[in-house]
């Protein structure tokens, strides 16, 4: 099981290649589109779909499988 927080503040839990979403504060009205491309798993909130389609946002921001492989190091 892995958890990530999207740039939108939504929390995504990935377990067995399935994603479950807990919307961020004030975002309970947002819907989420989950889809796979090759070995990637994307979770895209409805309020950013237009920006993704227009090229204003990079879809890698919503690649939850890819985001779970990023290692974060604490600041010193």
PDB file of N, CA and C in Angstrom:
ATOM      1  N   UNK A   1       0.843  -1.178   0.000  1.00  0.00           N
ATOM      2  CA  UNK A   1       0.000   0.000   0.000  1.00  0.00           C
ATOM      3  C   UNK A   1       0.891   1.246   0.000  1.00  0.00           C
ATOM      4  N   UNK A   2       0.511   2.212  -0.816  1.00  0.00           N
ATOM      5  CA  UNK A   2       1.227   3.491  -0.884  1.00  0.00           C
ATOM      6  C   UNK A   2       0.203   4.616  -0.836  1.00  0.00           C
ATOM      7  N   UNK A   3       0.626   5.745  -0.267  1.00  0.00           N
ATOM      8  CA  UNK A   3      -0.234   6.922  -0.242  1.00  0.00           C
ATOM      9  C   UNK A   3       0.522   8.104  -0.801  1.00  0.00           C
ATOM     10  N   UNK A   4      -0.196   8.923  -1.578  1.00  0.00           N
ATOM     11  CA  UNK A   4       0.370  10.162  -2.108  1.00  0.00           C
ATOM     12  C   UNK A   4      -0.668  11.266  -1.963  1.00  0.00           C
ATOM     13  N   UNK A   5      -0.181  12.487  -1.918  1.00  0.00           N
ATOM     14  CA  UNK A   5      -1.049  13.661  -1.927  1.00  0.00           C
ATOM     15  C   UNK A   5      -0.820  14.375  -3.248  1.00  0.00           C
ATOM     16  N   UNK A   6      -1.883  14.550  -4.000  1.00  0.00           N
ATOM     17  CA  UNK A   6      -1.780  15.251  -5.276  1.00  0.00           C
ATOM     18  C   UNK A   6      -1.568  16.743  -5.040  1.00  0.00           C
ATOM     19  N   UNK A   7      -1.130  17.453  -6.066  1.00  0.00           N
ATOM     20  CA  UNK A   7      -0.915  18.897  -5.951  1.00  0.00           C
ATOM     21  C   UNK A   7      -2.211  19.626  -5.608  1.00  0.00           C
ATOM     22  N   UNK A   8      -3.335  18.992  -5.828  1.00  0.00           N
ATOM     23  CA  UNK A   8      -4.640  19.570  -5.519  1.00  0.00           C
ATOM     24  C   UNK A   8      -5.018  19.381  -4.049  1.00  0.00           C
ATOM     25  N   UNK A   9      -4.206  18.612  -3.301  1.00  0.00           N
ATOM     26  CA  UNK A   9      -4.483  18.353  -1.899  1.00  0.00           C
ATOM     27  C   UNK A   9      -5.280  17.084  -1.655  1.00  0.00           C
ATOM     28  N   UNK A  10      -5.642  16.392  -2.719  1.00  0.00           N
ATOM     29  CA  UNK A  10      -6.396  15.147  -2.597  1.00  0.00           C
ATOM     30  C   UNK A  10      -5.435  14.017  -2.241  1.00  0.00           C
ATOM     31  N   UNK A  11      -5.878  13.122  -1.342  1.00  0.00           N
ATOM     32  CA  UNK A  11      -5.052  11.992  -0.912  1.00  0.00           C
ATOM     33  C   UNK A  11      -5.470  10.734  -1.666  1.00  0.00           C
ATOM     34  N   UNK A  12      -4.473  10.041  -2.214  1.00  0.00           N
ATOM     35  CA  UNK A  12      -4.735   8.831  -2.980  1.00  0.00           C
ATOM     36  C   UNK A  12      -4.001   7.665  -2.322  1.00  0.00           C
ATOM     37  N   UNK A  13      -4.725   6.581  -2.107  1.00  0.00           N
ATOM     38  CA  UNK A  13      -4.133   5.351  -1.606  1.00  0.00           C
ATOM     39  C   UNK A  13      -4.128   4.338  -2.744  1.00  0.00           C
ATOM     40  N   UNK A  14      -2.962   3.759  -3.012  1.00  0.00           N
ATOM     41  CA  UNK A  14      -2.826   2.760  -4.068  1.00  0.00           C
ATOM     42  C   UNK A  14      -2.545   1.413  -3.400  1.00  0.00           C
ATOM     43  N   UNK A  15      -3.407   0.457  -3.707  1.00  0.00           N
ATOM     44  CA  UNK A  15      -3.266  -0.894  -3.161  1.00  0.00           C
ATOM     45  C   UNK A  15      -3.627  -1.882  -4.259  1.00  0.00           C
ATOM     46  N   UNK A  16      -2.712  -2.786  -4.563  1.00  0.00           N
ATOM     47  CA  UNK A  16      -2.952  -3.799  -5.592  1.00  0.00           C
ATOM     48  C   UNK A  16      -3.403  -3.192  -6.919  1.00  0.00           C
ATOM     49  N   UNK A  17      -2.724  -2.128  -7.334  1.00  0.00           N
ATOM     50  CA  UNK A  17      -3.022  -1.452  -8.606  1.00  0.00           C
ATOM     51  C   UNK A  17      -4.402  -0.812  -8.653  1.00  0.00           C
ATOM     52  N   UNK A  18      -5.015  -0.595  -7.511  1.00  0.00           N
ATOM     53  CA  UNK A  18      -6.306   0.087  -7.415  1.00  0.00           C
ATOM     54  C   UNK A  18      -6.111   1.360  -6.602  1.00  0.00           C
ATOM     55  N   UNK A  19      -6.783   2.420  -6.986  1.00  0.00           N
ATOM     56  CA  UNK A  19      -6.654   3.696  -6.293  1.00  0.00           C
ATOM     57  C   UNK A  19      -7.964   4.058  -5.596  1.00  0.00           C
ATOM     58  N   UNK A  20      -7.838   4.549  -4.379  1.00  0.00           N
ATOM     59  CA  UNK A  20      -8.991   5.135  -3.690  1.00  0.00           C
ATOM     60  C   UNK A  20      -8.602   6.559  -3.324  1.00  0.00           C
ATOM     61  N   UNK A  21      -9.568   7.462  -3.409  1.00  0.00           N
ATOM     62  CA  UNK A  21      -9.291   8.889  -3.249  1.00  0.00           C
ATOM     63  C   UNK A  21     -10.066   9.454  -2.075  1.00  0.00           C
ATOM     64  N   UNK A  22      -9.375  10.274  -1.288  1.00  0.00           N
ATOM     65  CA  UNK A  22     -10.018  11.067  -0.244  1.00  0.00           C
ATOM     66  C   UNK A  22      -9.820  12.531  -0.654  1.00  0.00           C
ATOM     67  N   UNK A  23     -10.891  13.192  -1.092  1.00  0.00           N
ATOM     68  CA  UNK A  23     -10.756  14.587  -1.542  1.00  0.00           C
ATOM     69  C   UNK A  23     -10.182  15.483  -0.445  1.00  0.00           C
ATOM     70  N   UNK A  24      -9.428  16.481  -0.871  1.00  0.00           N
ATOM     71  CA  UNK A  24      -8.875  17.452   0.060  1.00  0.00           C
ATOM     72  C   UNK A  24      -9.974  18.337   0.641  1.00  0.00           C
ATOM     73  N   UNK A  25      -9.607  19.157   1.622  1.00  0.00           N
ATOM     74  CA  UNK A  25     -10.584  20.050   2.258  1.00  0.00           C
ATOM     75  C   UNK A  25     -11.306  20.935   1.239  1.00  0.00           C
ATOM     76  N   UNK A  26     -12.636  20.980   1.350  1.00  0.00           N
ATOM     77  CA  UNK A  26     -13.440  21.808   0.459  1.00  0.00           C
ATOM     78  C   UNK A  26     -13.596  21.248  -0.944  1.00  0.00           C
ATOM     79  N   UNK A  27     -13.225  19.982  -1.148  1.00  0.00           N
ATOM     80  CA  UNK A  27     -13.237  19.410  -2.496  1.00  0.00           C
ATOM     81  C   UNK A  27     -14.157  18.197  -2.596  1.00  0.00           C
ATOM     82  N   UNK A  28     -15.118  18.079  -1.702  1.00  0.00           N
ATOM     83  CA  UNK A  28     -16.001  16.907  -1.701  1.00  0.00           C
ATOM     84  C   UNK A  28     -16.887  16.841  -2.950  1.00  0.00           C
ATOM     85  N   UNK A  29     -17.037  17.944  -3.658  1.00  0.00           N
ATOM     86  CA  UNK A  29     -17.863  17.980  -4.876  1.00  0.00           C
ATOM     87  C   UNK A  29     -17.096  17.555  -6.131  1.00  0.00           C
ATOM     88  N   UNK A  30     -15.786  17.349  -6.014  1.00  0.00           N
ATOM     89  CA  UNK A  30     -14.940  16.997  -7.157  1.00  0.00           C
ATOM     90  C   UNK A  30     -15.066  15.501  -7.445  1.00  0.00           C
ATOM     91  N   UNK A  31     -15.134  15.154  -8.736  1.00  0.00           N
ATOM     92  CA  UNK A  31     -15.102  13.750  -9.142  1.00  0.00           C
ATOM     93  C   UNK A  31     -13.702  13.430  -9.661  1.00  0.00           C
ATOM     94  N   UNK A  32     -13.392  12.148  -9.746  1.00  0.00           N
ATOM     95  CA  UNK A  32     -12.051  11.726 -10.135  1.00  0.00           C
ATOM     96  C   UNK A  32     -12.127  10.689 -11.239  1.00  0.00           C
ATOM     97  N   UNK A  33     -11.290  10.879 -12.252  1.00  0.00           N
ATOM     98  CA  UNK A  33     -11.173   9.936 -13.353  1.00  0.00           C
ATOM     99  C   UNK A  33      -9.900   9.125 -13.126  1.00  0.00           C
ATOM    100  N   UNK A  34     -10.042   7.824 -12.988  1.00  0.00           N
ATOM    101  CA  UNK A  34      -8.893   6.942 -12.800  1.00  0.00           C
ATOM    102  C   UNK A  34      -8.729   6.100 -14.058  1.00  0.00           C
ATOM    103  N   UNK A  35      -7.504   6.076 -14.588  1.00  0.00           N
ATOM    104  CA  UNK A  35      -7.260   5.271 -15.785  1.00  0.00           C
ATOM    105  C   UNK A  35      -5.814   4.793 -15.815  1.00  0.00           C
ATOM    106  N   UNK A  36      -5.574   3.765 -16.602  1.00  0.00           N
ATOM    107  CA  UNK A  36      -4.239   3.191 -16.772  1.00  0.00           C
ATOM    108  C   UNK A  36      -3.767   3.399 -18.207  1.00  0.00           C
ATOM    109  N   UNK A  37      -2.484   3.664 -18.328  1.00  0.00           N
ATOM    110  CA  UNK A  37      -1.813   3.706 -19.621  1.00  0.00           C
ATOM    111  C   UNK A  37      -0.493   2.983 -19.439  1.00  0.00           C
ATOM    112  N   UNK A  38      -0.325   1.904 -20.175  1.00  0.00           N
ATOM    113  CA  UNK A  38       0.853   1.039 -20.006  1.00  0.00           C
ATOM    114  C   UNK A  38       0.916   0.613 -18.551  1.00  0.00           C
ATOM    115  N   UNK A  39       2.009   0.883 -17.860  1.00  0.00           N
ATOM    116  CA  UNK A  39       2.117   0.478 -16.460  1.00  0.00           C
ATOM    117  C   UNK A  39       1.933   1.662 -15.504  1.00  0.00           C
ATOM    118  N   UNK A  40       1.246   2.692 -15.953  1.00  0.00           N
ATOM    119  CA  UNK A  40       0.987   3.884 -15.142  1.00  0.00           C
ATOM    120  C   UNK A  40      -0.463   3.899 -14.676  1.00  0.00           C
ATOM    121  N   UNK A  41      -0.691   4.509 -13.521  1.00  0.00           N
ATOM    122  CA  UNK A  41      -2.031   4.646 -12.966  1.00  0.00           C
ATOM    123  C   UNK A  41      -2.254   6.128 -12.674  1.00  0.00           C
ATOM    124  N   UNK A  42      -3.241   6.702 -13.336  1.00  0.00           N
ATOM    125  CA  UNK A  42      -3.521   8.128 -13.201  1.00  0.00           C
ATOM    126  C   UNK A  42      -4.821   8.345 -12.447  1.00  0.00           C
ATOM    127  N   UNK A  43      -4.814   9.352 -11.580  1.00  0.00           N
ATOM    128  CA  UNK A  43      -6.026   9.800 -10.897  1.00  0.00           C
ATOM    129  C   UNK A  43      -6.122  11.299 -11.169  1.00  0.00           C
ATOM    130  N   UNK A  44      -7.139  11.690 -11.948  1.00  0.00           N
ATOM    131  CA  UNK A  44      -7.255  13.080 -12.402  1.00  0.00           C
ATOM    132  C   UNK A  44      -8.546  13.696 -11.857  1.00  0.00           C
ATOM    133  N   UNK A  45      -8.414  14.733 -11.018  1.00  0.00           N
ATOM    134  CA  UNK A  45      -9.604  15.433 -10.529  1.00  0.00           C
ATOM    135  C   UNK A  45     -10.310  16.165 -11.670  1.00  0.00           C
ATOM    136  N   UNK A  46     -11.629  16.233 -11.586  1.00  0.00           N
ATOM    137  CA  UNK A  46     -12.423  16.845 -12.661  1.00  0.00           C
ATOM    138  C   UNK A  46     -12.082  18.315 -12.877  1.00  0.00           C
ATOM    139  N   UNK A  47     -11.654  19.017 -11.833  1.00  0.00           N
ATOM    140  CA  UNK A  47     -11.386  20.451 -11.988  1.00  0.00           C
ATOM    141  C   UNK A  47     -10.049  20.768 -12.645  1.00  0.00           C
ATOM    142  N   UNK A  48      -9.231  19.760 -12.946  1.00  0.00           N
ATOM    143  CA  UNK A  48      -7.965  20.024 -13.647  1.00  0.00           C
ATOM    144  C   UNK A  48      -7.932  19.425 -15.049  1.00  0.00           C
ATOM    145  N   UNK A  49      -8.983  18.734 -15.441  1.00  0.00           N
ATOM    146  CA  UNK A  49      -8.977  18.064 -16.740  1.00  0.00           C
ATOM    147  C   UNK A  49      -8.776  19.036 -17.899  1.00  0.00           C
ATOM    148  N   UNK A  50      -9.379  20.189 -17.826  1.00  0.00           N
ATOM    149  CA  UNK A  50      -9.223  21.174 -18.911  1.00  0.00           C
ATOM    150  C   UNK A  50      -7.773  21.668 -18.993  1.00  0.00           C
ATOM    151  N   UNK A  51      -7.149  21.902 -17.842  1.00  0.00           N
ATOM    152  CA  UNK A  51      -5.754  22.359 -17.838  1.00  0.00           C
ATOM    153  C   UNK A  51      -4.807  21.273 -18.361  1.00  0.00           C
ATOM    154  N   UNK A  52      -5.105  20.016 -18.064  1.00  0.00           N
ATOM    155  CA  UNK A  52      -4.306  18.926 -18.613  1.00  0.00           C
ATOM    156  C   UNK A  52      -4.458  18.853 -20.128  1.00  0.00           C
ATOM    157  N   UNK A  53      -5.674  18.912 -20.593  1.00  0.00           N
ATOM    158  CA  UNK A  53      -5.937  18.840 -22.034  1.00  0.00           C
ATOM    159  C   UNK A  53      -5.299  20.007 -22.771  1.00  0.00           C
ATOM    160  N   UNK A  54      -5.254  21.180 -22.136  1.00  0.00           N
ATOM    161  CA  UNK A  54      -4.671  22.360 -22.762  1.00  0.00           C
ATOM    162  C   UNK A  54      -3.169  22.452 -22.628  1.00  0.00           C
ATOM    163  N   UNK A  55      -2.554  21.472 -21.950  1.00  0.00           N
ATOM    164  CA  UNK A  55      -1.103  21.473 -21.800  1.00  0.00           C
ATOM    165  C   UNK A  55      -0.578  22.402 -20.718  1.00  0.00           C
ATOM    166  N   UNK A  56      -1.455  22.948 -19.898  1.00  0.00           N
ATOM    167  CA  UNK A  56      -1.022  23.851 -18.831  1.00  0.00           C
ATOM    168  C   UNK A  56      -0.538  23.095 -17.593  1.00  0.00           C
ATOM    169  N   UNK A  57      -0.925  21.830 -17.482  1.00  0.00           N
ATOM    170  CA  UNK A  57      -0.447  20.966 -16.412  1.00  0.00           C
ATOM    171  C   UNK A  57       0.150  19.711 -17.019  1.00  0.00           C
ATOM    172  N   UNK A  58       1.150  19.178 -16.377  1.00  0.00           N
ATOM    173  CA  UNK A  58       1.795  17.950 -16.821  1.00  0.00           C
ATOM    174  C   UNK A  58       1.060  16.766 -16.200  1.00  0.00           C
ATOM    175  N   UNK A  59       0.682  15.790 -17.011  1.00  0.00           N
ATOM    176  CA  UNK A  59      -0.089  14.668 -16.486  1.00  0.00           C
ATOM    177  C   UNK A  59       0.705  13.817 -15.504  1.00  0.00           C
ATOM    178  N   UNK A  60       2.032  13.942 -15.502  1.00  0.00           N
ATOM    179  CA  UNK A  60       2.837  13.194 -14.529  1.00  0.00           C
ATOM    180  C   UNK A  60       2.514  13.603 -13.097  1.00  0.00           C
ATOM    181  N   UNK A  61       1.940  14.796 -12.921  1.00  0.00           N
ATOM    182  CA  UNK A  61       1.523  15.225 -11.581  1.00  0.00           C
ATOM    183  C   UNK A  61       0.417  14.342 -11.026  1.00  0.00           C
ATOM    184  N   UNK A  62      -0.253  13.588 -11.885  1.00  0.00           N
ATOM    185  CA  UNK A  62      -1.384  12.763 -11.475  1.00  0.00           C
ATOM    186  C   UNK A  62      -1.122  11.278 -11.715  1.00  0.00           C
ATOM    187  N   UNK A  63       0.117  10.931 -12.003  1.00  0.00           N
ATOM    188  CA  UNK A  63       0.547   9.537 -12.166  1.00  0.00           C
ATOM    189  C   UNK A  63       0.856   9.000 -10.770  1.00  0.00           C
ATOM    190  N   UNK A  64      -0.150   8.455 -10.120  1.00  0.00           N
ATOM    191  CA  UNK A  64       0.027   8.067  -8.719  1.00  0.00           C
ATOM    192  C   UNK A  64       0.992   6.895  -8.570  1.00  0.00           C
ATOM    193  N   UNK A  65       1.082   6.038  -9.549  1.00  0.00           N
ATOM    194  CA  UNK A  65       2.049   4.948  -9.472  1.00  0.00           C
ATOM    195  C   UNK A  65       3.470   5.511  -9.549  1.00  0.00           C
ATOM    196  N   UNK A  66       3.681   6.456 -10.444  1.00  0.00           N
ATOM    197  CA  UNK A  66       4.989   7.097 -10.550  1.00  0.00           C
ATOM    198  C   UNK A  66       5.329   7.916  -9.318  1.00  0.00           C
ATOM    199  N   UNK A  67       4.345   8.604  -8.771  1.00  0.00           N
ATOM    200  CA  UNK A  67       4.577   9.425  -7.579  1.00  0.00           C
ATOM    201  C   UNK A  67       4.952   8.586  -6.366  1.00  0.00           C
ATOM    202  N   UNK A  68       4.468   7.358  -6.311  1.00  0.00           N
ATOM    203  CA  UNK A  68       4.810   6.517  -5.158  1.00  0.00           C
ATOM    204  C   UNK A  68       6.250   6.031  -5.204  1.00  0.00           C
ATOM    205  N   UNK A  69       6.911   6.153  -6.350  1.00  0.00           N
ATOM    206  CA  UNK A  69       8.302   5.703  -6.449  1.00  0.00           C
ATOM    207  C   UNK A  69       9.291   6.819  -6.142  1.00  0.00           C
ATOM    208  N   UNK A  70       8.808   8.042  -6.019  1.00  0.00           N
ATOM    209  CA  UNK A  70       9.702   9.168  -5.730  1.00  0.00           C
ATOM    210  C   UNK A  70      10.096   9.115  -4.258  1.00  0.00           C
ATOM    211  N   UNK A  71      11.356   9.263  -4.009  1.00  0.00           N
ATOM    212  CA  UNK A  71      11.871   9.272  -2.634  1.00  0.00           C
ATOM    213  C   UNK A  71      12.006  10.710  -2.177  1.00  0.00           C
ATOM    214  N   UNK A  72      11.433  11.015  -1.046  1.00  0.00           N
ATOM    215  CA  UNK A  72      11.537  12.352  -0.471  1.00  0.00           C
ATOM    216  C   UNK A  72      12.553  12.322   0.673  1.00  0.00           C
ATOM    217  N   UNK A  73      13.371  13.324   0.744  1.00  0.00           N
ATOM    218  CA  UNK A  73      14.364  13.420   1.805  1.00  0.00           C
ATOM    219  C   UNK A  73      14.051  14.646   2.645  1.00  0.00           C
ATOM    220  N   UNK A  74      14.196  14.528   3.962  1.00  0.00           N
ATOM    221  CA  UNK A  74      13.901  15.682   4.821  1.00  0.00           C
ATOM    222  C   UNK A  74      14.911  16.809   4.596  1.00  0.00           C
ATOM    223  N   UNK A  75      14.435  18.030   4.722  1.00  0.00           N
ATOM    224  CA  UNK A  75      15.316  19.196   4.624  1.00  0.00           C
ATOM    225  C   UNK A  75      16.111  19.308   5.926  1.00  0.00           C
ATOM    226  N   UNK A  76      17.333  19.757   5.831  1.00  0.00           N
ATOM    227  CA  UNK A  76      18.150  19.940   7.039  1.00  0.00           C
ATOM    228  C   UNK A  76      18.383  21.389   7.294  1.00  0.00           C
TER     229      UNK A  76
END
